[in-house]
C-alpha atoms as a PDB file:
ATOM      1  CA  UNK A   1       0.000   0.000   0.000  1.00  0.00           C
ATOM      2  CA  UNK A   2       1.361   3.440  -0.939  1.00  0.00           C
ATOM      3  CA  UNK A   3       2.126   5.837   1.902  1.00  0.00           C
ATOM      4  CA  UNK A   4      -0.422   8.505   2.774  1.00  0.00           C
ATOM      5  CA  UNK A   5       0.382  11.774   1.037  1.00  0.00           C
ATOM      6  CA  UNK A   6      -2.447  13.580   2.839  1.00  0.00           C
ATOM      7  CA  UNK A   7      -3.804  12.776   6.269  1.00  0.00           C
ATOM      8  CA  UNK A   8      -6.603  14.743   7.925  1.00  0.00           C
ATOM      9  CA  UNK A   9      -7.499  13.800  11.504  1.00  0.00           C
ATOM     10  CA  UNK A  10     -10.191  15.235  13.757  1.00  0.00           C
ATOM     11  CA  UNK A  11     -10.757  18.228  11.495  1.00  0.00           C
ATOM     12  CA  UNK A  12     -13.285  20.713  12.867  1.00  0.00           C
ATOM     13  CA  UNK A  13     -14.149  24.033  11.253  1.00  0.00           C
ATOM     14  CA  UNK A  14     -16.455  26.614  12.813  1.00  0.00           C
ATOM     15  CA  UNK A  15     -17.712  29.902  11.380  1.00  0.00           C
ATOM     16  CA  UNK A  16     -18.742  31.794  14.489  1.00  0.00           C
ATOM     17  CA  UNK A  17     -21.260  29.513  16.173  1.00  0.00           C
ATOM     18  CA  UNK A  18     -21.810  27.374  13.087  1.00  0.00           C
ATOM     19  CA  UNK A  19     -19.910  24.065  13.047  1.00  0.00           C
ATOM     20  CA  UNK A  20     -19.368  23.378   9.325  1.00  0.00           C
ATOM     21  CA  UNK A  21     -17.032  20.388   9.727  1.00  0.00           C
ATOM     22  CA  UNK A  22     -17.485  18.203  12.798  1.00  0.00           C
ATOM     23  CA  UNK A  23     -14.355  16.159  13.380  1.00  0.00           C
ATOM     24  CA  UNK A  24     -13.616  14.234  10.181  1.00  0.00           C
ATOM     25  CA  UNK A  25     -10.787  11.852   9.313  1.00  0.00           C
ATOM     26  CA  UNK A  26      -9.628  11.487   5.716  1.00  0.00           C
ATOM     27  CA  UNK A  27      -6.574   9.905   4.073  1.00  0.00           C
ATOM     28  CA  UNK A  28      -5.245  10.045   0.524  1.00  0.00           C
ATOM     29  CA  UNK A  29      -2.449   7.671  -0.467  1.00  0.00           C
ATOM     30  CA  UNK A  30       0.142   8.643  -3.036  1.00  0.00           C
ATOM     31  CA  UNK A  31      -1.192   7.970  -6.545  1.00  0.00           C
ATOM     32  CA  UNK A  32      -4.845   7.694  -5.500  1.00  0.00           C
ATOM     33  CA  UNK A  33      -7.831   9.505  -6.961  1.00  0.00           C
ATOM     34  CA  UNK A  34     -10.217  10.085  -4.053  1.00  0.00           C
ATOM     35  CA  UNK A  35     -13.744  11.438  -4.465  1.00  0.00           C
ATOM     36  CA  UNK A  36     -15.452  13.419  -1.709  1.00  0.00           C
ATOM     37  CA  UNK A  37     -19.169  13.475  -2.484  1.00  0.00           C
ATOM     38  CA  UNK A  38     -22.230  14.820  -0.716  1.00  0.00           C
ATOM     39  CA  UNK A  39     -25.095  17.268  -0.993  1.00  0.00           C
ATOM     40  CA  UNK A  40     -24.757  21.044  -1.198  1.00  0.00           C
ATOM     41  CA  UNK A  41     -23.754  22.485   2.169  1.00  0.00           C
ATOM     42  CA  UNK A  42     -22.290  19.202   3.468  1.00  0.00           C
ATOM     43  CA  UNK A  43     -18.930  20.887   4.140  1.00  0.00           C
ATOM     44  CA  UNK A  44     -16.902  19.484   1.233  1.00  0.00           C
ATOM     45  CA  UNK A  45     -15.493  22.791  -0.022  1.00  0.00           C
ATOM     46  CA  UNK A  46     -14.730  23.839   3.557  1.00  0.00           C
ATOM     47  CA  UNK A  47     -12.541  20.738   3.901  1.00  0.00           C
ATOM     48  CA  UNK A  48     -10.528  21.669   0.796  1.00  0.00           C
ATOM     49  CA  UNK A  49     -10.158  25.268   1.956  1.00  0.00           C
ATOM     50  CA  UNK A  50      -9.028  24.099   5.400  1.00  0.00           C
ATOM     51  CA  UNK A  51      -6.360  21.925   3.768  1.00  0.00           C
ATOM     52  CA  UNK A  52      -5.112  24.803   1.599  1.00  0.00           C
ATOM     53  CA  UNK A  53      -5.376  27.538   4.244  1.00  0.00           C
ATOM     54  CA  UNK A  54      -7.799  29.602   2.153  1.00  0.00           C
ATOM     55  CA  UNK A  55     -10.692  29.887   4.609  1.00  0.00           C
ATOM     56  CA  UNK A  56     -11.925  33.267   5.854  1.00  0.00           C
ATOM     57  CA  UNK A  57     -11.653  34.024   9.557  1.00  0.00           C
ATOM     58  CA  UNK A  58     -12.855  30.915  11.338  1.00  0.00           C
ATOM     59  CA  UNK A  59     -11.727  28.340  13.893  1.00  0.00           C
ATOM     60  CA  UNK A  60      -9.880  25.303  12.479  1.00  0.00           C
ATOM     61  CA  UNK A  61      -8.988  22.432  14.817  1.00  0.00           C
ATOM     62  CA  UNK A  62      -7.400  19.045  14.211  1.00  0.00           C
ATOM     63  CA  UNK A  63      -4.417  17.806  12.241  1.00  0.00           C
ATOM     64  CA  UNK A  64      -3.614  18.216   8.530  1.00  0.00           C
ATOM     65  CA  UNK A  65      -0.434  16.487   7.353  1.00  0.00           C
ATOM     66  CA  UNK A  66       0.995  16.581   3.828  1.00  0.00           C
ATOM     67  CA  UNK A  67       3.862  14.231   3.020  1.00  0.00           C
ATOM     68  CA  UNK A  68       4.371  13.605   6.744  1.00  0.00           C
ATOM     69  CA  UNK A  69       4.543  17.289   7.719  1.00  0.00           C
ATOM     70  CA  UNK A  70       1.918  19.369   9.526  1.00  0.00           C
ATOM     71  CA  UNK A  71       0.635  22.085   7.182  1.00  0.00           C
ATOM     72  CA  UNK A  72      -2.215  23.647   9.183  1.00  0.00           C
ATOM     73  CA  UNK A  73      -1.610  27.388   9.302  1.00  0.00           C
ATOM     74  CA  UNK A  74       0.876  27.442   6.423  1.00  0.00           C
ATOM     75  CA  UNK A  75       0.166  30.114   3.791  1.00  0.00           C
ATOM     76  CA  UNK A  76      -1.359  28.825   0.585  1.00  0.00           C
ATOM     77  CA  UNK A  77       1.494  30.161  -1.584  1.00  0.00           C
ATOM     78  CA  UNK A  78       3.936  28.164   0.528  1.00  0.00           C
ATOM     79  CA  UNK A  79       1.849  25.032  -0.117  1.00  0.00           C
ATOM     80  CA  UNK A  80       2.174  25.609  -3.864  1.00  0.00           C
ATOM     81  CA  UNK A  81       5.952  25.462  -3.389  1.00  0.00           C
ATOM     82  CA  UNK A  82       5.387  22.033  -1.819  1.00  0.00           C
ATOM     83  CA  UNK A  83       3.391  21.110  -4.971  1.00  0.00           C
ATOM     84  CA  UNK A  84       0.002  21.047  -3.246  1.00  0.00           C
ATOM     85  CA  UNK A  85      -2.405  22.899  -5.542  1.00  0.00           C
ATOM     86  CA  UNK A  86      -6.157  23.540  -5.710  1.00  0.00           C
ATOM     87  CA  UNK A  87      -8.440  24.373  -8.638  1.00  0.00           C
ATOM     88  CA  UNK A  88     -11.173  26.292  -6.789  1.00  0.00           C
ATOM     89  CA  UNK A  89     -14.893  26.201  -7.371  1.00  0.00           C
ATOM     90  CA  UNK A  90     -15.648  28.955  -9.880  1.00  0.00           C
ATOM     91  CA  UNK A  91     -12.261  28.406 -11.568  1.00  0.00           C
ATOM     92  CA  UNK A  92     -10.518  31.579 -10.344  1.00  0.00           C
ATOM     93  CA  UNK A  93      -8.625  32.406 -13.540  1.00  0.00           C
ATOM     94  CA  UNK A  94      -6.842  35.747 -13.855  1.00  0.00           C
ATOM     95  CA  UNK A  95      -9.479  37.393 -16.026  1.00  0.00           C
ATOM     96  CA  UNK A  96      -7.365  40.341 -17.217  1.00  0.00           C
ATOM     97  CA  UNK A  97      -4.435  38.168 -18.241  1.00  0.00           C
ATOM     98  CA  UNK A  98      -4.224  36.177 -21.450  1.00  0.00           C
ATOM     99  CA  UNK A  99      -4.529  32.407 -21.563  1.00  0.00           C
ATOM    100  CA  UNK A 100      -0.761  32.036 -21.970  1.00  0.00           C
ATOM    101  CA  UNK A 101      -0.049  34.468 -19.124  1.00  0.00           C
ATOM    102  CA  UNK A 102      -2.340  32.416 -16.867  1.00  0.00           C
ATOM    103  CA  UNK A 103      -0.334  29.290 -17.694  1.00  0.00           C
ATOM    104  CA  UNK A 104       2.921  31.117 -16.952  1.00  0.00           C
ATOM    105  CA  UNK A 105       1.485  32.158 -13.570  1.00  0.00           C
ATOM    106  CA  UNK A 106       0.883  28.471 -12.866  1.00  0.00           C
ATOM    107  CA  UNK A 107       4.616  27.900 -13.318  1.00  0.00           C
ATOM    108  CA  UNK A 108       5.765  30.804 -11.143  1.00  0.00           C
ATOM    109  CA  UNK A 109       7.673  28.500  -8.748  1.00  0.00           C
ATOM    110  CA  UNK A 110       9.710  27.083 -11.654  1.00  0.00           C
ATOM    111  CA  UNK A 111      12.740  28.542 -13.449  1.00  0.00           C
ATOM    112  CA  UNK A 112      13.256  25.910 -16.178  1.00  0.00           C
ATOM    113  CA  UNK A 113      12.191  28.026 -19.169  1.00  0.00           C
ATOM    114  CA  UNK A 114      12.470  25.233 -21.713  1.00  0.00           C
ATOM    115  CA  UNK A 115      10.435  22.871 -19.526  1.00  0.00           C
ATOM    116  CA  UNK A 116       7.780  25.531 -18.980  1.00  0.00           C
ATOM    117  CA  UNK A 117       7.387  26.033 -22.736  1.00  0.00           C
ATOM    118  CA  UNK A 118       7.202  22.254 -23.236  1.00  0.00           C
ATOM    119  CA  UNK A 119       4.402  22.056 -20.672  1.00  0.00           C
ATOM    120  CA  UNK A 120       2.511  24.942 -22.276  1.00  0.00           C
ATOM    121  CA  UNK A 121       2.708  23.054 -25.574  1.00  0.00           C
ATOM    122  CA  UNK A 122       1.609  19.855 -23.848  1.00  0.00           C
ATOM    123  CA  UNK A 123      -1.544  21.427 -22.431  1.00  0.00           C
ATOM    124  CA  UNK A 124      -2.240  23.347 -25.639  1.00  0.00           C
ATOM    125  CA  UNK A 125      -2.178  20.018 -27.477  1.00  0.00           C
ATOM    126  CA  UNK A 126      -4.510  18.511 -24.874  1.00  0.00           C
ATOM    127  CA  UNK A 127      -6.813  21.554 -24.963  1.00  0.00           C
ATOM    128  CA  UNK A 128      -6.718  22.833 -28.581  1.00  0.00           C
ATOM    129  CA  UNK A 129      -9.244  25.538 -27.672  1.00  0.00           C
ATOM    130  CA  UNK A 130      -6.696  27.103 -25.331  1.00  0.00           C
ATOM    131  CA  UNK A 131      -4.114  27.216 -28.121  1.00  0.00           C
ATOM    132  CA  UNK A 132      -6.639  28.937 -30.386  1.00  0.00           C
ATOM    133  CA  UNK A 133      -7.242  31.517 -27.647  1.00  0.00           C
ATOM    134  CA  UNK A 134      -3.699  31.791 -26.277  1.00  0.00           C
ATOM    135  CA  UNK A 135      -3.559  35.588 -26.629  1.00  0.00           C
ATOM    136  CA  UNK A 136      -7.187  36.122 -25.559  1.00  0.00           C
ATOM    137  CA  UNK A 137      -8.028  37.534 -22.118  1.00  0.00           C
ATOM    138  CA  UNK A 138      -9.124  34.710 -19.804  1.00  0.00           C
ATOM    139  CA  UNK A 139     -12.195  36.680 -18.717  1.00  0.00           C
ATOM    140  CA  UNK A 140     -13.607  36.470 -22.247  1.00  0.00           C
ATOM    141  CA  UNK A 141     -13.533  32.641 -22.329  1.00  0.00           C
ATOM    142  CA  UNK A 142     -16.592  30.445 -21.856  1.00  0.00           C
ATOM    143  CA  UNK A 143     -17.079  28.647 -18.539  1.00  0.00           C
ATOM    144  CA  UNK A 144     -15.799  25.383 -19.978  1.00  0.00           C
ATOM    145  CA  UNK A 145     -12.729  27.043 -21.481  1.00  0.00           C
ATOM    146  CA  UNK A 146     -11.994  28.732 -18.154  1.00  0.00           C
ATOM    147  CA  UNK A 147     -12.212  25.352 -16.407  1.00  0.00           C
ATOM    148  CA  UNK A 148      -9.734  23.893 -18.917  1.00  0.00           C
ATOM    149  CA  UNK A 149      -7.430  26.858 -18.274  1.00  0.00           C
ATOM    150  CA  UNK A 150      -7.720  26.582 -14.481  1.00  0.00           C
ATOM    151  CA  UNK A 151      -6.781  22.906 -14.612  1.00  0.00           C
ATOM    152  CA  UNK A 152      -3.921  23.429 -17.072  1.00  0.00           C
ATOM    153  CA  UNK A 153      -2.607  26.316 -14.952  1.00  0.00           C
ATOM    154  CA  UNK A 154      -2.625  24.120 -11.814  1.00  0.00           C
ATOM    155  CA  UNK A 155      -0.811  21.328 -13.660  1.00  0.00           C
ATOM    156  CA  UNK A 156       1.952  23.710 -14.786  1.00  0.00           C
ATOM    157  CA  UNK A 157       3.564  23.471 -11.328  1.00  0.00           C
ATOM    158  CA  UNK A 158       3.746  19.644 -11.472  1.00  0.00           C
ATOM    159  CA  UNK A 159       1.507  19.078  -8.423  1.00  0.00           C
ATOM    160  CA  UNK A 160       2.038  16.104  -6.143  1.00  0.00           C
ATOM    161  CA  UNK A 161      -1.494  16.601  -4.810  1.00  0.00           C
ATOM    162  CA  UNK A 162      -4.207  18.244  -6.900  1.00  0.00           C
ATOM    163  CA  UNK A 163      -7.421  19.345  -5.167  1.00  0.00           C
ATOM    164  CA  UNK A 164     -10.367  19.839  -7.521  1.00  0.00           C
ATOM    165  CA  UNK A 165     -13.468  21.650  -6.255  1.00  0.00           C
ATOM    166  CA  UNK A 166     -16.594  21.028  -8.368  1.00  0.00           C
ATOM    167  CA  UNK A 167     -14.813  20.952 -11.767  1.00  0.00           C
ATOM    168  CA  UNK A 168     -18.007  20.104 -13.687  1.00  0.00           C
ATOM    169  CA  UNK A 169     -20.202  22.816 -12.161  1.00  0.00           C
ATOM    170  CA  UNK A 170     -22.172  24.788 -14.738  1.00  0.00           C
ATOM    171  CA  UNK A 171     -20.633  23.067 -17.756  1.00  0.00           C
ATOM    172  CA  UNK A 172     -22.322  21.521 -20.780  1.00  0.00           C
ATOM    173  CA  UNK A 173     -22.429  17.697 -20.900  1.00  0.00           C
ATOM    174  CA  UNK A 174     -19.780  17.535 -23.654  1.00  0.00           C
ATOM    175  CA  UNK A 175     -17.463  19.818 -21.642  1.00  0.00           C
ATOM    176  CA  UNK A 176     -18.024  17.754 -18.481  1.00  0.00           C
ATOM    177  CA  UNK A 177     -16.974  14.672 -20.452  1.00  0.00           C
ATOM    178  CA  UNK A 178     -13.763  16.433 -21.556  1.00  0.00           C
ATOM    179  CA  UNK A 179     -12.926  17.613 -18.030  1.00  0.00           C
ATOM    180  CA  UNK A 180     -13.326  14.093 -16.613  1.00  0.00           C
ATOM    181  CA  UNK A 181     -11.192  12.723 -19.443  1.00  0.00           C
ATOM    182  CA  UNK A 182      -8.453  15.089 -18.250  1.00  0.00           C
ATOM    183  CA  UNK A 183      -8.956  14.067 -14.606  1.00  0.00           C
ATOM    184  CA  UNK A 184      -8.586  10.374 -15.475  1.00  0.00           C
ATOM    185  CA  UNK A 185      -5.550  11.073 -17.668  1.00  0.00           C
ATOM    186  CA  UNK A 186      -3.802  13.158 -14.991  1.00  0.00           C
ATOM    187  CA  UNK A 187      -4.517  10.428 -12.428  1.00  0.00           C
ATOM    188  CA  UNK A 188      -3.067   7.814 -14.794  1.00  0.00           C
ATOM    189  CA  UNK A 189       0.119   9.901 -14.956  1.00  0.00           C
ATOM    190  CA  UNK A 190       0.521   9.362 -11.205  1.00  0.00           C
ATOM    191  CA  UNK A 191      -0.759  12.683  -9.866  1.00  0.00           C
ATOM    192  CA  UNK A 192      -2.622  12.242  -6.567  1.00  0.00           C
ATOM    193  CA  UNK A 193      -6.091  13.835  -6.701  1.00  0.00           C
ATOM    194  CA  UNK A 194      -8.734  14.728  -4.133  1.00  0.00           C
ATOM    195  CA  UNK A 195     -11.921  15.505  -6.043  1.00  0.00           C
ATOM    196  CA  UNK A 196     -14.991  17.269  -4.643  1.00  0.00           C
ATOM    197  CA  UNK A 197     -17.840  16.784  -7.089  1.00  0.00           C
ATOM    198  CA  UNK A 198     -21.641  16.957  -7.012  1.00  0.00           C
ATOM    199  CA  UNK A 199     -21.929  14.652 -10.017  1.00  0.00           C
ATOM    200  CA  UNK A 200     -21.538  11.591  -7.825  1.00  0.00           C
ATOM    201  CA  UNK A 201     -21.797   9.086 -10.666  1.00  0.00           C
ATOM    202  CA  UNK A 202     -18.918  10.565 -12.673  1.00  0.00           C
ATOM    203  CA  UNK A 203     -16.827  11.063  -9.548  1.00  0.00           C
ATOM    204  CA  UNK A 204     -17.282   7.470  -8.378  1.00  0.00           C
ATOM    205  CA  UNK A 205     -16.603   6.089 -11.866  1.00  0.00           C
ATOM    206  CA  UNK A 206     -13.281   7.960 -11.977  1.00  0.00           C
ATOM    207  CA  UNK A 207     -12.151   7.435  -8.377  1.00  0.00           C
ATOM    208  CA  UNK A 208     -10.340   4.601  -6.603  1.00  0.00           C
ATOM    209  CA  UNK A 209     -11.936   5.305  -3.217  1.00  0.00           C
ATOM    210  CA  UNK A 210     -14.595   7.689  -1.983  1.00  0.00           C
ATOM    211  CA  UNK A 211     -15.848   9.455   1.123  1.00  0.00           C
ATOM    212  CA  UNK A 212     -19.476  10.515   1.589  1.00  0.00           C
ATOM    213  CA  UNK A 213     -20.019  13.671   3.630  1.00  0.00           C
ATOM    214  CA  UNK A 214     -23.292  14.767   5.215  1.00  0.00           C
ATOM    215  CA  UNK A 215     -23.834  17.784   7.473  1.00  0.00           C
ATOM    216  CA  UNK A 216     -20.152  18.126   8.325  1.00  0.00           C
ATOM    217  CA  UNK A 217     -19.401  14.460   9.050  1.00  0.00           C
ATOM    218  CA  UNK A 218     -18.122  11.512   7.016  1.00  0.00           C
ATOM    219  CA  UNK A 219     -20.906   8.932   6.887  1.00  0.00           C
ATOM    220  CA  UNK A 220     -19.344   6.365   4.519  1.00  0.00           C
ATOM    221  CA  UNK A 221     -16.024   5.573   2.912  1.00  0.00           C
ATOM    222  CA  UNK A 222     -14.629   2.767   0.819  1.00  0.00           C
ATOM    223  CA  UNK A 223     -14.088   1.445  -2.687  1.00  0.00           C
ATOM    224  CA  UNK A 224     -15.629   3.836  -5.228  1.00  0.00           C
ATOM    225  CA  UNK A 225     -16.866   1.087  -7.525  1.00  0.00           C
ATOM    226  CA  UNK A 226     -18.596  -0.641  -4.619  1.00  0.00           C
ATOM    227  CA  UNK A 227     -20.272   2.628  -3.691  1.00  0.00           C
ATOM    228  CA  UNK A 228     -21.719   2.897  -7.195  1.00  0.00           C
ATOM    229  CA  UNK A 229     -23.692  -0.242  -6.364  1.00  0.00           C
ATOM    230  CA  UNK A 230     -24.530   0.642  -2.750  1.00  0.00           C
ATOM    231  CA  UNK A 231     -28.321   1.115  -2.343  1.00  0.00           C
ATOM    232  CA  UNK A 232     -27.830   4.029   0.068  1.00  0.00           C
ATOM    233  CA  UNK A 233     -25.567   5.903  -2.346  1.00  0.00           C
ATOM    234  CA  UNK A 234     -27.859   5.081  -5.271  1.00  0.00           C
ATOM    235  CA  UNK A 235     -30.880   6.474  -3.460  1.00  0.00           C
ATOM    236  CA  UNK A 236     -29.208   9.600  -2.077  1.00  0.00           C
ATOM    237  CA  UNK A 237     -26.837  10.661  -4.854  1.00  0.00           C
ATOM    238  CA  UNK A 238     -27.457   8.735  -8.063  1.00  0.00           C
ATOM    239  CA  UNK A 239     -31.199   9.196  -8.332  1.00  0.00           C
ATOM    240  CA  UNK A 240     -31.775   5.443  -8.305  1.00  0.00           C
ATOM    241  CA  UNK A 241     -33.873   3.281  -6.050  1.00  0.00           C
END
């Protein structure tokens, strides 16, 4: 069994008097693709933001270890230097920069110019639409194109752990299919992924293991394929009886 790259233990997050996350444990082994599924408001995004240190003022308790080191309280830009990267919900592209400038921002921790250009070419070949729009301002792209750009930008820093927050949100079915093709391909290349996704079926089909979160607690975890056939998951998240 591969060693845990990420280990979350007893994580609690409170916004004022509201307990959003109520003491969860979660582990991601090196090379795994883990899905974190659950209804809106379950606390999934809060977990990702707690890991990356991007929460607003709130109380965070518990332990968050990345590659054997405690990272709770470390600034998010320092985590990028450790190759822990998140693609946030809503994509978060630099709207007034061009597509190519966004990709260069993704590589800001690198100084291998030739390698950076090779990676830009790699992702342009994977996302031909981005090549076509390389000199276009990111804010003028469609939602699907911005999602492609956000993912390519994150991959420019060669992440060891990639956190994806609702990558299919608001996208057309054909674009969702493309995004999940990229997720599976990146996972096959050995990048460890923690995926938060409301489309439970697609998430479970892509993942190795999964956690189900409800009202701030983990209620189930295990093999993702087995969960696809679990009556409780079918009823709650797959629209099946």
